[in-house]
PDB file of all heavy atoms in Angstrom:
ATOM      1  N   ARG A   1     -68.398 -59.967 -78.017  1.00  0.00           N
ATOM      2  CA  ARG A   1     -67.936 -58.565 -77.828  1.00  0.00           C
ATOM      3  C   ARG A   1     -67.228 -58.627 -76.430  1.00  0.00           C
ATOM      4  O   ARG A   1     -66.135 -58.029 -76.284  1.00  0.00           O
ATOM      5  CB  ARG A   1     -69.061 -57.614 -77.828  1.00  0.00           C
ATOM      6  CG  ARG A   1     -68.569 -56.125 -77.813  1.00  0.00           C
ATOM      7  CD  ARG A   1     -69.675 -55.198 -77.846  1.00  0.00           C
ATOM      8  NE  ARG A   1     -70.462 -55.226 -76.618  1.00  0.00           N
ATOM      9  CZ  ARG A   1     -70.038 -54.614 -75.397  1.00  0.00           C
ATOM     10  NH1 ARG A   1     -68.947 -54.219 -75.287  1.00  0.00           N
ATOM     11  NH2 ARG A   1     -70.870 -54.779 -74.387  1.00  0.00           N
ATOM     12  N   LYS A   2     -67.900 -59.231 -75.518  1.00  0.00           N
ATOM     13  CA  LYS A   2     -67.310 -59.177 -74.070  1.00  0.00           C
ATOM     14  C   LYS A   2     -65.999 -60.145 -74.017  1.00  0.00           C
ATOM     15  O   LYS A   2     -65.045 -59.682 -73.415  1.00  0.00           O
ATOM     16  CB  LYS A   2     -68.283 -59.809 -73.114  1.00  0.00           C
ATOM     17  CG  LYS A   2     -69.507 -58.932 -72.893  1.00  0.00           C
ATOM     18  CD  LYS A   2     -70.466 -59.542 -71.878  1.00  0.00           C
ATOM     19  CE  LYS A   2     -71.675 -58.610 -71.673  1.00  0.00           C
ATOM     20  NZ  LYS A   2     -72.648 -59.192 -70.780  1.00  0.00           N
ATOM     21  N   VAL A   3     -66.050 -61.181 -74.764  1.00  0.00           N
ATOM     22  CA  VAL A   3     -64.843 -62.043 -74.818  1.00  0.00           C
ATOM     23  C   VAL A   3     -63.683 -61.232 -75.335  1.00  0.00           C
ATOM     24  O   VAL A   3     -62.619 -61.240 -74.836  1.00  0.00           O
ATOM     25  CB  VAL A   3     -65.063 -63.283 -75.690  1.00  0.00           C
ATOM     26  CG1 VAL A   3     -63.808 -64.085 -75.878  1.00  0.00           C
ATOM     27  CG2 VAL A   3     -66.001 -64.251 -74.975  1.00  0.00           C
ATOM     28  N   ARG A   4     -63.929 -60.511 -76.515  1.00  0.00           N
ATOM     29  CA  ARG A   4     -62.947 -59.788 -77.135  1.00  0.00           C
ATOM     30  C   ARG A   4     -62.406 -58.612 -76.277  1.00  0.00           C
ATOM     31  O   ARG A   4     -61.135 -58.324 -76.104  1.00  0.00           O
ATOM     32  CB  ARG A   4     -63.486 -58.984 -78.424  1.00  0.00           C
ATOM     33  CG  ARG A   4     -63.403 -59.978 -79.576  1.00  0.00           C
ATOM     34  CD  ARG A   4     -63.682 -59.159 -80.948  1.00  0.00           C
ATOM     35  NE  ARG A   4     -64.846 -58.387 -81.009  1.00  0.00           N
ATOM     36  CZ  ARG A   4     -66.035 -58.848 -81.333  1.00  0.00           C
ATOM     37  NH1 ARG A   4     -66.193 -60.191 -81.730  1.00  0.00           N
ATOM     38  NH2 ARG A   4     -67.156 -58.157 -81.307  1.00  0.00           N
ATOM     39  N   ALA A   5     -63.345 -58.145 -75.434  1.00  0.00           N
ATOM     40  CA  ALA A   5     -62.891 -56.990 -74.492  1.00  0.00           C
ATOM     41  C   ALA A   5     -61.981 -57.604 -73.483  1.00  0.00           C
ATOM     42  O   ALA A   5     -60.942 -57.021 -73.111  1.00  0.00           O
ATOM     43  CB  ALA A   5     -64.130 -56.343 -73.851  1.00  0.00           C
ATOM     44  N   ASN A   6     -62.392 -58.768 -72.900  1.00  0.00           N
ATOM     45  CA  ASN A   6     -61.537 -59.447 -71.961  1.00  0.00           C
ATOM     46  C   ASN A   6     -60.106 -59.696 -72.442  1.00  0.00           C
ATOM     47  O   ASN A   6     -59.106 -59.551 -71.802  1.00  0.00           O
ATOM     48  CB  ASN A   6     -62.158 -60.706 -71.466  1.00  0.00           C
ATOM     49  CG  ASN A   6     -63.344 -60.379 -70.472  1.00  0.00           C
ATOM     50  OD1 ASN A   6     -63.607 -59.260 -70.109  1.00  0.00           O
ATOM     51  ND2 ASN A   6     -64.063 -61.519 -70.170  1.00  0.00           N
ATOM     52  N   LEU A   7     -60.079 -60.219 -73.731  1.00  0.00           N
ATOM     53  CA  LEU A   7     -58.805 -60.589 -74.292  1.00  0.00           C
ATOM     54  C   LEU A   7     -57.964 -59.351 -74.512  1.00  0.00           C
ATOM     55  O   LEU A   7     -56.788 -59.310 -74.156  1.00  0.00           O
ATOM     56  CB  LEU A   7     -59.042 -61.255 -75.721  1.00  0.00           C
ATOM     57  CG  LEU A   7     -59.484 -62.678 -75.685  1.00  0.00           C
ATOM     58  CD1 LEU A   7     -59.976 -63.074 -77.111  1.00  0.00           C
ATOM     59  CD2 LEU A   7     -58.459 -63.633 -75.114  1.00  0.00           C
ATOM     60  N   GLU A   8     -58.660 -58.245 -74.897  1.00  0.00           N
ATOM     61  CA  GLU A   8     -57.866 -56.922 -75.120  1.00  0.00           C
ATOM     62  C   GLU A   8     -57.326 -56.516 -73.824  1.00  0.00           C
ATOM     63  O   GLU A   8     -56.169 -56.094 -73.721  1.00  0.00           O
ATOM     64  CB  GLU A   8     -58.790 -55.962 -75.734  1.00  0.00           C
ATOM     65  CG  GLU A   8     -58.086 -54.738 -76.299  1.00  0.00           C
ATOM     66  CD  GLU A   8     -59.188 -53.771 -76.925  1.00  0.00           C
ATOM     67  OE1 GLU A   8     -60.232 -54.139 -77.310  1.00  0.00           O
ATOM     68  OE2 GLU A   8     -58.689 -52.648 -77.093  1.00  0.00           O
ATOM     69  N   LYS A   9     -58.107 -56.605 -72.709  1.00  0.00           N
ATOM     70  CA  LYS A   9     -57.643 -56.132 -71.510  1.00  0.00           C
ATOM     71  C   LYS A   9     -56.406 -56.884 -70.985  1.00  0.00           C
ATOM     72  O   LYS A   9     -55.396 -56.397 -70.527  1.00  0.00           O
ATOM     73  CB  LYS A   9     -58.691 -56.178 -70.389  1.00  0.00           C
ATOM     74  CG  LYS A   9     -58.298 -55.523 -69.038  1.00  0.00           C
ATOM     75  CD  LYS A   9     -59.437 -55.454 -68.060  1.00  0.00           C
ATOM     76  CE  LYS A   9     -59.025 -54.991 -66.736  1.00  0.00           C
ATOM     77  NZ  LYS A   9     -58.993 -53.456 -66.668  1.00  0.00           N
ATOM     78  N   SER A  10     -56.513 -58.304 -71.115  1.00  0.00           N
ATOM     79  CA  SER A  10     -55.420 -59.067 -70.571  1.00  0.00           C
ATOM     80  C   SER A  10     -54.170 -58.802 -71.436  1.00  0.00           C
ATOM     81  O   SER A  10     -52.977 -58.842 -70.941  1.00  0.00           O
ATOM     82  CB  SER A  10     -55.804 -60.516 -70.483  1.00  0.00           C
ATOM     83  OG  SER A  10     -55.657 -61.191 -71.762  1.00  0.00           O
ATOM     84  N   ARG A  11     -54.309 -58.602 -72.763  1.00  0.00           N
ATOM     85  CA  ARG A  11     -53.194 -58.322 -73.583  1.00  0.00           C
ATOM     86  C   ARG A  11     -52.495 -56.919 -73.152  1.00  0.00           C
ATOM     87  O   ARG A  11     -51.327 -56.945 -73.114  1.00  0.00           O
ATOM     88  CB  ARG A  11     -53.667 -58.089 -75.070  1.00  0.00           C
ATOM     89  CG  ARG A  11     -52.647 -58.740 -76.019  1.00  0.00           C
ATOM     90  CD  ARG A  11     -53.029 -58.523 -77.546  1.00  0.00           C
ATOM     91  NE  ARG A  11     -54.130 -57.716 -77.964  1.00  0.00           N
ATOM     92  CZ  ARG A  11     -55.300 -58.151 -78.361  1.00  0.00           C
ATOM     93  NH1 ARG A  11     -55.510 -59.490 -78.468  1.00  0.00           N
ATOM     94  NH2 ARG A  11     -56.242 -57.304 -78.731  1.00  0.00           N
ATOM     95  N   ALA A  12     -53.341 -55.982 -72.860  1.00  0.00           N
ATOM     96  CA  ALA A  12     -52.842 -54.753 -72.402  1.00  0.00           C
ATOM     97  C   ALA A  12     -51.995 -54.886 -71.058  1.00  0.00           C
ATOM     98  O   ALA A  12     -51.001 -54.266 -70.857  1.00  0.00           O
ATOM     99  CB  ALA A  12     -54.012 -53.777 -72.203  1.00  0.00           C
ATOM    100  N   GLU A  13     -52.585 -55.766 -70.156  1.00  0.00           N
ATOM    101  CA  GLU A  13     -51.963 -55.942 -68.867  1.00  0.00           C
ATOM    102  C   GLU A  13     -50.641 -56.636 -69.129  1.00  0.00           C
ATOM    103  O   GLU A  13     -49.575 -56.219 -68.453  1.00  0.00           O
ATOM    104  CB  GLU A  13     -52.826 -56.813 -67.951  1.00  0.00           C
ATOM    105  CG  GLU A  13     -53.934 -55.935 -67.390  1.00  0.00           C
ATOM    106  CD  GLU A  13     -55.037 -56.850 -66.707  1.00  0.00           C
ATOM    107  OE1 GLU A  13     -55.018 -58.068 -66.935  1.00  0.00           O
ATOM    108  OE2 GLU A  13     -55.916 -56.271 -65.985  1.00  0.00           O
ATOM    109  N   ASP A  14     -50.544 -57.593 -69.988  1.00  0.00           N
ATOM    110  CA  ASP A  14     -49.254 -58.316 -70.365  1.00  0.00           C
ATOM    111  C   ASP A  14     -48.226 -57.298 -70.845  1.00  0.00           C
ATOM    112  O   ASP A  14     -47.163 -57.260 -70.452  1.00  0.00           O
ATOM    113  CB  ASP A  14     -49.483 -59.363 -71.495  1.00  0.00           C
ATOM    114  CG  ASP A  14     -50.233 -60.502 -70.892  1.00  0.00           C
ATOM    115  OD1 ASP A  14     -50.279 -60.630 -69.734  1.00  0.00           O
ATOM    116  OD2 ASP A  14     -50.579 -61.427 -71.689  1.00  0.00           O
ATOM    117  N   GLU A  15     -48.715 -56.460 -71.686  1.00  0.00           N
ATOM    118  CA  GLU A  15     -47.763 -55.376 -72.322  1.00  0.00           C
ATOM    119  C   GLU A  15     -47.190 -54.481 -71.184  1.00  0.00           C
ATOM    120  O   GLU A  15     -46.000 -54.269 -71.070  1.00  0.00           O
ATOM    121  CB  GLU A  15     -48.532 -54.522 -73.261  1.00  0.00           C
ATOM    122  CG  GLU A  15     -47.831 -54.559 -74.602  1.00  0.00           C
ATOM    123  CD  GLU A  15     -48.646 -53.637 -75.658  1.00  0.00           C
ATOM    124  OE1 GLU A  15     -49.543 -52.839 -75.190  1.00  0.00           O
ATOM    125  OE2 GLU A  15     -48.358 -53.724 -76.848  1.00  0.00           O
ATOM    126  N   ALA A  16     -48.081 -53.995 -70.259  1.00  0.00           N
ATOM    127  CA  ALA A  16     -47.689 -53.184 -69.250  1.00  0.00           C
ATOM    128  C   ALA A  16     -46.630 -53.921 -68.357  1.00  0.00           C
ATOM    129  O   ALA A  16     -45.550 -53.361 -67.911  1.00  0.00           O
ATOM    130  CB  ALA A  16     -48.820 -52.776 -68.333  1.00  0.00           C
ATOM    131  N   ALA A  17     -46.884 -55.251 -68.067  1.00  0.00           N
ATOM    132  CA  ALA A  17     -45.953 -55.891 -67.270  1.00  0.00           C
ATOM    133  C   ALA A  17     -44.617 -56.169 -67.891  1.00  0.00           C
ATOM    134  O   ALA A  17     -43.592 -56.162 -67.239  1.00  0.00           O
ATOM    135  CB  ALA A  17     -46.527 -57.432 -66.991  1.00  0.00           C
ATOM    136  N   GLN A  18     -44.620 -56.301 -69.269  1.00  0.00           N
ATOM    137  CA  GLN A  18     -43.429 -56.473 -70.059  1.00  0.00           C
ATOM    138  C   GLN A  18     -42.553 -55.237 -69.856  1.00  0.00           C
ATOM    139  O   GLN A  18     -41.378 -55.292 -69.651  1.00  0.00           O
ATOM    140  CB  GLN A  18     -43.752 -56.603 -71.527  1.00  0.00           C
ATOM    141  CG  GLN A  18     -43.560 -58.059 -71.994  1.00  0.00           C
ATOM    142  CD  GLN A  18     -44.146 -58.129 -73.430  1.00  0.00           C
ATOM    143  OE1 GLN A  18     -45.214 -57.597 -73.692  1.00  0.00           O
ATOM    144  NE2 GLN A  18     -43.428 -58.933 -74.263  1.00  0.00           N
ATOM    145  N   TYR A  19     -43.173 -53.966 -70.037  1.00  0.00           N
ATOM    146  CA  TYR A  19     -42.413 -52.828 -69.852  1.00  0.00           C
ATOM    147  C   TYR A  19     -41.886 -52.655 -68.408  1.00  0.00           C
ATOM    148  O   TYR A  19     -40.782 -52.093 -68.193  1.00  0.00           O
ATOM    149  CB  TYR A  19     -43.283 -51.511 -70.267  1.00  0.00           C
ATOM    150  CG  TYR A  19     -43.360 -51.327 -71.720  1.00  0.00           C
ATOM    151  CD1 TYR A  19     -44.487 -51.548 -72.521  1.00  0.00           C
ATOM    152  CD2 TYR A  19     -42.258 -50.825 -72.446  1.00  0.00           C
ATOM    153  CE1 TYR A  19     -44.625 -51.484 -73.868  1.00  0.00           C
ATOM    154  CE2 TYR A  19     -42.361 -50.620 -73.738  1.00  0.00           C
ATOM    155  CZ  TYR A  19     -43.488 -50.927 -74.560  1.00  0.00           C
ATOM    156  OH  TYR A  19     -43.505 -50.738 -75.872  1.00  0.00           O
ATOM    157  N   ASP A  20     -42.662 -53.019 -67.545  1.00  0.00           N
ATOM    158  CA  ASP A  20     -42.271 -52.913 -66.069  1.00  0.00           C
ATOM    159  C   ASP A  20     -41.063 -53.748 -65.786  1.00  0.00           C
ATOM    160  O   ASP A  20     -40.140 -53.381 -65.237  1.00  0.00           O
ATOM    161  CB  ASP A  20     -43.422 -53.522 -65.253  1.00  0.00           C
ATOM    162  CG  ASP A  20     -43.336 -52.909 -63.842  1.00  0.00           C
ATOM    163  OD1 ASP A  20     -43.057 -51.697 -63.679  1.00  0.00           O
ATOM    164  OD2 ASP A  20     -43.538 -53.729 -62.959  1.00  0.00           O
ATOM    165  N   SER A  21     -40.969 -54.970 -66.390  1.00  0.00           N
ATOM    166  CA  SER A  21     -39.809 -55.832 -66.164  1.00  0.00           C
ATOM    167  C   SER A  21     -38.569 -55.251 -66.896  1.00  0.00           C
ATOM    168  O   SER A  21     -37.523 -55.453 -66.416  1.00  0.00           O
ATOM    169  CB  SER A  21     -40.129 -57.301 -66.491  1.00  0.00           C
ATOM    170  OG  SER A  21     -40.125 -57.509 -67.909  1.00  0.00           O
ATOM    171  N   GLU A  22     -38.859 -54.726 -68.161  1.00  0.00           N
ATOM    172  CA  GLU A  22     -37.799 -54.057 -68.870  1.00  0.00           C
ATOM    173  C   GLU A  22     -37.147 -52.976 -68.002  1.00  0.00           C
ATOM    174  O   GLU A  22     -35.972 -52.730 -67.955  1.00  0.00           O
ATOM    175  CB  GLU A  22     -38.222 -53.527 -70.172  1.00  0.00           C
ATOM    176  CG  GLU A  22     -37.279 -52.641 -70.977  1.00  0.00           C
ATOM    177  CD  GLU A  22     -36.166 -53.473 -71.550  1.00  0.00           C
ATOM    178  OE1 GLU A  22     -35.985 -54.638 -71.301  1.00  0.00           O
ATOM    179  OE2 GLU A  22     -35.325 -52.785 -72.297  1.00  0.00           O
ATOM    180  N   TYR A  23     -38.017 -52.213 -67.367  1.00  0.00           N
ATOM    181  CA  TYR A  23     -37.551 -51.073 -66.487  1.00  0.00           C
ATOM    182  C   TYR A  23     -36.740 -51.557 -65.420  1.00  0.00           C
ATOM    183  O   TYR A  23     -35.663 -51.094 -65.104  1.00  0.00           O
ATOM    184  CB  TYR A  23     -38.834 -50.369 -65.875  1.00  0.00           C
ATOM    185  CG  TYR A  23     -38.469 -49.087 -65.087  1.00  0.00           C
ATOM    186  CD1 TYR A  23     -38.448 -47.939 -65.697  1.00  0.00           C
ATOM    187  CD2 TYR A  23     -38.247 -49.255 -63.667  1.00  0.00           C
ATOM    188  CE1 TYR A  23     -38.111 -46.741 -64.913  1.00  0.00           C
ATOM    189  CE2 TYR A  23     -37.947 -48.063 -62.985  1.00  0.00           C
ATOM    190  CZ  TYR A  23     -37.850 -46.808 -63.572  1.00  0.00           C
ATOM    191  OH  TYR A  23     -37.540 -45.790 -62.832  1.00  0.00           O
ATOM    192  N   LYS A  24     -37.185 -52.712 -64.746  1.00  0.00           N
ATOM    193  CA  LYS A  24     -36.320 -53.359 -63.692  1.00  0.00           C
ATOM    194  C   LYS A  24     -34.985 -53.748 -64.237  1.00  0.00           C
ATOM    195  O   LYS A  24     -33.942 -53.613 -63.607  1.00  0.00           O
ATOM    196  CB  LYS A  24     -37.015 -54.516 -63.099  1.00  0.00           C
ATOM    197  CG  LYS A  24     -38.246 -54.037 -62.267  1.00  0.00           C
ATOM    198  CD  LYS A  24     -38.804 -55.220 -61.330  1.00  0.00           C
ATOM    199  CE  LYS A  24     -39.953 -54.836 -60.514  1.00  0.00           C
ATOM    200  NZ  LYS A  24     -41.165 -54.614 -61.306  1.00  0.00           N
ATOM    201  N   ARG A  25     -35.025 -54.422 -65.473  1.00  0.00           N
ATOM    202  CA  ARG A  25     -33.724 -54.888 -66.030  1.00  0.00           C
ATOM    203  C   ARG A  25     -32.754 -53.682 -66.334  1.00  0.00           C
ATOM    204  O   ARG A  25     -31.561 -53.773 -66.012  1.00  0.00           O
ATOM    205  CB  ARG A  25     -33.994 -55.584 -67.390  1.00  0.00           C
ATOM    206  CG  ARG A  25     -32.832 -56.334 -68.013  1.00  0.00           C
ATOM    207  CD  ARG A  25     -33.145 -56.800 -69.413  1.00  0.00           C
ATOM    208  NE  ARG A  25     -33.287 -55.683 -70.414  1.00  0.00           N
ATOM    209  CZ  ARG A  25     -32.276 -54.993 -70.760  1.00  0.00           C
ATOM    210  NH1 ARG A  25     -31.089 -55.173 -70.397  1.00  0.00           N
ATOM    211  NH2 ARG A  25     -32.505 -53.976 -71.701  1.00  0.00           N
ATOM    212  N   LEU A  26     -33.316 -52.548 -66.796  1.00  0.00           N
ATOM    213  CA  LEU A  26     -32.467 -51.428 -67.026  1.00  0.00           C
ATOM    214  C   LEU A  26     -31.795 -50.835 -65.728  1.00  0.00           C
ATOM    215  O   LEU A  26     -30.758 -50.418 -65.667  1.00  0.00           O
ATOM    216  CB  LEU A  26     -33.264 -50.286 -67.738  1.00  0.00           C
ATOM    217  CG  LEU A  26     -33.541 -50.644 -69.236  1.00  0.00           C
ATOM    218  CD1 LEU A  26     -34.481 -49.584 -69.777  1.00  0.00           C
ATOM    219  CD2 LEU A  26     -32.259 -50.431 -70.085  1.00  0.00           C
ATOM    220  N   THR A  27     -32.664 -50.855 -64.687  1.00  0.00           N
ATOM    221  CA  THR A  27     -32.219 -50.477 -63.369  1.00  0.00           C
ATOM    222  C   THR A  27     -31.070 -51.270 -62.903  1.00  0.00           C
ATOM    223  O   THR A  27     -30.009 -50.708 -62.389  1.00  0.00           O
ATOM    224  CB  THR A  27     -33.384 -50.561 -62.341  1.00  0.00           C
ATOM    225  OG1 THR A  27     -34.459 -49.792 -62.748  1.00  0.00           O
ATOM    226  CG2 THR A  27     -32.898 -50.075 -60.931  1.00  0.00           C
ATOM    227  N   GLU A  28     -31.109 -52.626 -63.120  1.00  0.00           N
ATOM    228  CA  GLU A  28     -29.962 -53.407 -62.730  1.00  0.00           C
ATOM    229  C   GLU A  28     -28.787 -53.138 -63.684  1.00  0.00           C
ATOM    230  O   GLU A  28     -27.665 -53.088 -63.102  1.00  0.00           O
ATOM    231  CB  GLU A  28     -30.435 -54.964 -62.891  1.00  0.00           C
ATOM    232  CG  GLU A  28     -31.242 -55.350 -61.694  1.00  0.00           C
ATOM    233  CD  GLU A  28     -31.951 -56.698 -62.076  1.00  0.00           C
ATOM    234  OE1 GLU A  28     -31.476 -57.531 -62.991  1.00  0.00           O
ATOM    235  OE2 GLU A  28     -32.986 -57.007 -61.432  1.00  0.00           O
ATOM    236  N   ALA A  29     -29.012 -52.903 -64.870  1.00  0.00           N
ATOM    237  CA  ALA A  29     -27.883 -52.583 -65.795  1.00  0.00           C
ATOM    238  C   ALA A  29     -27.208 -51.338 -65.376  1.00  0.00           C
ATOM    239  O   ALA A  29     -25.992 -51.261 -65.359  1.00  0.00           O
ATOM    240  CB  ALA A  29     -28.399 -52.433 -67.306  1.00  0.00           C
ATOM    241  N   ILE A  30     -28.010 -50.297 -64.941  1.00  0.00           N
ATOM    242  CA  ILE A  30     -27.397 -49.054 -64.493  1.00  0.00           C
ATOM    243  C   ILE A  30     -26.620 -49.265 -63.222  1.00  0.00           C
ATOM    244  O   ILE A  30     -25.384 -48.867 -63.127  1.00  0.00           O
ATOM    245  CB  ILE A  30     -28.512 -47.988 -64.211  1.00  0.00           C
ATOM    246  CG1 ILE A  30     -29.122 -47.533 -65.574  1.00  0.00           C
ATOM    247  CG2 ILE A  30     -27.889 -46.808 -63.482  1.00  0.00           C
ATOM    248  CD1 ILE A  30     -30.362 -46.669 -65.402  1.00  0.00           C
ATOM    249  N   ALA A  31     -27.112 -50.044 -62.312  1.00  0.00           N
ATOM    250  CA  ALA A  31     -26.417 -50.296 -61.109  1.00  0.00           C
ATOM    251  C   ALA A  31     -25.036 -51.021 -61.404  1.00  0.00           C
ATOM    252  O   ALA A  31     -23.988 -50.657 -60.819  1.00  0.00           O
ATOM    253  CB  ALA A  31     -27.247 -51.154 -60.150  1.00  0.00           C
ATOM    254  N   GLN A  32     -25.055 -52.000 -62.334  1.00  0.00           N
ATOM    255  CA  GLN A  32     -23.860 -52.727 -62.747  1.00  0.00           C
ATOM    256  C   GLN A  32     -22.875 -51.701 -63.418  1.00  0.00           C
ATOM    257  O   GLN A  32     -21.720 -51.767 -63.012  1.00  0.00           O
ATOM    258  CB  GLN A  32     -24.252 -53.869 -63.714  1.00  0.00           C
ATOM    259  CG  GLN A  32     -23.101 -54.654 -64.175  1.00  0.00           C
ATOM    260  CD  GLN A  32     -22.366 -55.282 -62.874  1.00  0.00           C
ATOM    261  OE1 GLN A  32     -23.066 -55.856 -62.068  1.00  0.00           O
ATOM    262  NE2 GLN A  32     -21.065 -55.204 -62.896  1.00  0.00           N
ATOM    263  N   LYS A  33     -23.389 -50.824 -64.298  1.00  0.00           N
ATOM    264  CA  LYS A  33     -22.412 -49.919 -64.953  1.00  0.00           C
ATOM    265  C   LYS A  33     -21.794 -48.911 -63.936  1.00  0.00           C
ATOM    266  O   LYS A  33     -20.573 -48.711 -64.030  1.00  0.00           O
ATOM    267  CB  LYS A  33     -23.142 -49.072 -65.955  1.00  0.00           C
ATOM    268  CG  LYS A  33     -23.430 -49.765 -67.214  1.00  0.00           C
ATOM    269  CD  LYS A  33     -22.379 -49.524 -68.285  1.00  0.00           C
ATOM    270  CE  LYS A  33     -22.634 -50.159 -69.597  1.00  0.00           C
ATOM    271  NZ  LYS A  33     -21.629 -51.162 -70.076  1.00  0.00           N
ATOM    272  N   ARG A  34     -22.634 -48.553 -62.888  1.00  0.00           N
ATOM    273  CA  ARG A  34     -22.074 -47.671 -61.915  1.00  0.00           C
ATOM    274  C   ARG A  34     -21.027 -48.410 -61.083  1.00  0.00           C
ATOM    275  O   ARG A  34     -19.992 -47.754 -60.693  1.00  0.00           O
ATOM    276  CB  ARG A  34     -23.192 -47.148 -61.053  1.00  0.00           C
ATOM    277  CG  ARG A  34     -24.227 -46.217 -61.669  1.00  0.00           C
ATOM    278  CD  ARG A  34     -25.008 -45.465 -60.568  1.00  0.00           C
ATOM    279  NE  ARG A  34     -24.294 -44.443 -60.030  1.00  0.00           N
ATOM    280  CZ  ARG A  34     -24.310 -43.115 -60.381  1.00  0.00           C
ATOM    281  NH1 ARG A  34     -25.041 -42.749 -61.398  1.00  0.00           N
ATOM    282  NH2 ARG A  34     -23.613 -42.320 -59.810  1.00  0.00           N
ATOM    283  N   ALA A  35     -21.326 -49.596 -60.832  1.00  0.00           N
ATOM    284  CA  ALA A  35     -20.300 -50.422 -59.990  1.00  0.00           C
ATOM    285  C   ALA A  35     -18.989 -50.536 -60.919  1.00  0.00           C
ATOM    286  O   ALA A  35     -17.955 -50.269 -60.255  1.00  0.00           O
ATOM    287  CB  ALA A  35     -20.894 -51.792 -59.659  1.00  0.00           C
ATOM    288  N   ASP A  36     -19.157 -50.848 -62.102  1.00  0.00           N
ATOM    289  CA  ASP A  36     -17.965 -50.917 -63.067  1.00  0.00           C
ATOM    290  C   ASP A  36     -17.107 -49.633 -62.975  1.00  0.00           C
ATOM    291  O   ASP A  36     -15.937 -49.629 -62.831  1.00  0.00           O
ATOM    292  CB  ASP A  36     -18.318 -51.170 -64.469  1.00  0.00           C
ATOM    293  CG  ASP A  36     -18.860 -52.544 -64.618  1.00  0.00           C
ATOM    294  OD1 ASP A  36     -18.837 -53.359 -63.668  1.00  0.00           O
ATOM    295  OD2 ASP A  36     -19.488 -52.839 -65.700  1.00  0.00           O
ATOM    296  N   ARG A  37     -17.938 -48.509 -63.014  1.00  0.00           N
ATOM    297  CA  ARG A  37     -17.239 -47.159 -63.088  1.00  0.00           C
ATOM    298  C   ARG A  37     -16.583 -46.903 -61.764  1.00  0.00           C
ATOM    299  O   ARG A  37     -15.456 -46.439 -61.748  1.00  0.00           O
ATOM    300  CB  ARG A  37     -18.372 -46.125 -63.274  1.00  0.00           C
ATOM    301  CG  ARG A  37     -17.988 -44.729 -63.294  1.00  0.00           C
ATOM    302  CD  ARG A  37     -19.163 -43.744 -63.231  1.00  0.00           C
ATOM    303  NE  ARG A  37     -18.765 -42.493 -63.473  1.00  0.00           N
ATOM    304  CZ  ARG A  37     -18.238 -41.714 -62.499  1.00  0.00           C
ATOM    305  NH1 ARG A  37     -17.965 -42.154 -61.353  1.00  0.00           N
ATOM    306  NH2 ARG A  37     -17.895 -40.482 -62.752  1.00  0.00           N
ATOM    307  N   MET A  38     -17.238 -47.287 -60.596  1.00  0.00           N
ATOM    308  CA  MET A  38     -16.534 -47.086 -59.362  1.00  0.00           C
ATOM    309  C   MET A  38     -15.289 -47.981 -59.191  1.00  0.00           C
ATOM    310  O   MET A  38     -14.299 -47.551 -58.761  1.00  0.00           O
ATOM    311  CB  MET A  38     -17.496 -47.590 -58.189  1.00  0.00           C
ATOM    312  CG  MET A  38     -18.488 -46.460 -57.815  1.00  0.00           C
ATOM    313  SD  MET A  38     -17.780 -44.862 -57.518  1.00  0.00           S
ATOM    314  CE  MET A  38     -16.890 -45.077 -56.026  1.00  0.00           C
ATOM    315  N   ALA A  39     -15.390 -49.187 -59.759  1.00  0.00           N
ATOM    316  CA  ALA A  39     -14.157 -50.137 -59.697  1.00  0.00           C
ATOM    317  C   ALA A  39     -13.120 -49.469 -60.496  1.00  0.00           C
ATOM    318  O   ALA A  39     -11.851 -49.588 -60.212  1.00  0.00           O
ATOM    319  CB  ALA A  39     -14.682 -51.490 -60.327  1.00  0.00           C
ATOM    320  N   LEU A  40     -13.438 -48.845 -61.660  1.00  0.00           N
ATOM    321  CA  LEU A  40     -12.467 -48.207 -62.514  1.00  0.00           C
ATOM    322  C   LEU A  40     -11.610 -47.114 -61.733  1.00  0.00           C
ATOM    323  O   LEU A  40     -10.472 -47.000 -61.701  1.00  0.00           O
ATOM    324  CB  LEU A  40     -13.129 -47.591 -63.738  1.00  0.00           C
ATOM    325  CG  LEU A  40     -12.182 -47.070 -64.882  1.00  0.00           C
ATOM    326  CD1 LEU A  40     -11.402 -48.104 -65.461  1.00  0.00           C
ATOM    327  CD2 LEU A  40     -13.047 -46.334 -65.900  1.00  0.00           C
ATOM    328  N   LEU A  41     -12.539 -46.249 -60.970  1.00  0.00           N
ATOM    329  CA  LEU A  41     -11.836 -45.181 -60.223  1.00  0.00           C
ATOM    330  C   LEU A  41     -11.083 -45.806 -58.993  1.00  0.00           C
ATOM    331  O   LEU A  41     -10.010 -45.369 -58.770  1.00  0.00           O
ATOM    332  CB  LEU A  41     -12.931 -44.212 -59.650  1.00  0.00           C
ATOM    333  CG  LEU A  41     -13.300 -43.034 -60.522  1.00  0.00           C
ATOM    334  CD1 LEU A  41     -14.432 -42.279 -59.886  1.00  0.00           C
ATOM    335  CD2 LEU A  41     -12.016 -42.143 -60.606  1.00  0.00           C
ATOM    336  N   ASN A  42     -11.698 -46.890 -58.412  1.00  0.00           N
ATOM    337  CA  ASN A  42     -11.017 -47.444 -57.215  1.00  0.00           C
ATOM    338  C   ASN A  42      -9.719 -48.116 -57.545  1.00  0.00           C
ATOM    339  O   ASN A  42      -8.780 -48.125 -56.827  1.00  0.00           O
ATOM    340  CB  ASN A  42     -11.975 -48.369 -56.431  1.00  0.00           C
ATOM    341  CG  ASN A  42     -13.179 -47.659 -55.817  1.00  0.00           C
ATOM    342  OD1 ASN A  42     -13.125 -46.435 -55.699  1.00  0.00           O
ATOM    343  ND2 ASN A  42     -14.276 -48.343 -55.676  1.00  0.00           N
ATOM    344  N   GLY A  43      -9.762 -48.748 -58.744  1.00  0.00           N
ATOM    345  CA  GLY A  43      -8.522 -49.427 -59.321  1.00  0.00           C
ATOM    346  C   GLY A  43      -7.436 -48.439 -59.659  1.00  0.00           C
ATOM    347  O   GLY A  43      -6.277 -48.802 -59.780  1.00  0.00           O
ATOM    348  N   ALA A  44      -7.858 -47.157 -59.934  1.00  0.00           N
ATOM    349  CA  ALA A  44      -6.802 -46.158 -60.451  1.00  0.00           C
ATOM    350  C   ALA A  44      -5.922 -45.765 -59.306  1.00  0.00           C
ATOM    351  O   ALA A  44      -6.294 -45.865 -58.100  1.00  0.00           O
ATOM    352  CB  ALA A  44      -7.558 -44.944 -61.045  1.00  0.00           C
TER     353      ALA A  44
END
């Protein structure tokens, strides 16, 4: 039962970390899009 509890906790931690890195990836994507948008205006 304890082994299963440990496995479940580490699985949950992995999942949380995955969402966390997805959040960071989206943040970078937003920054990139904003830069593209600025470039579009600056190039106009």
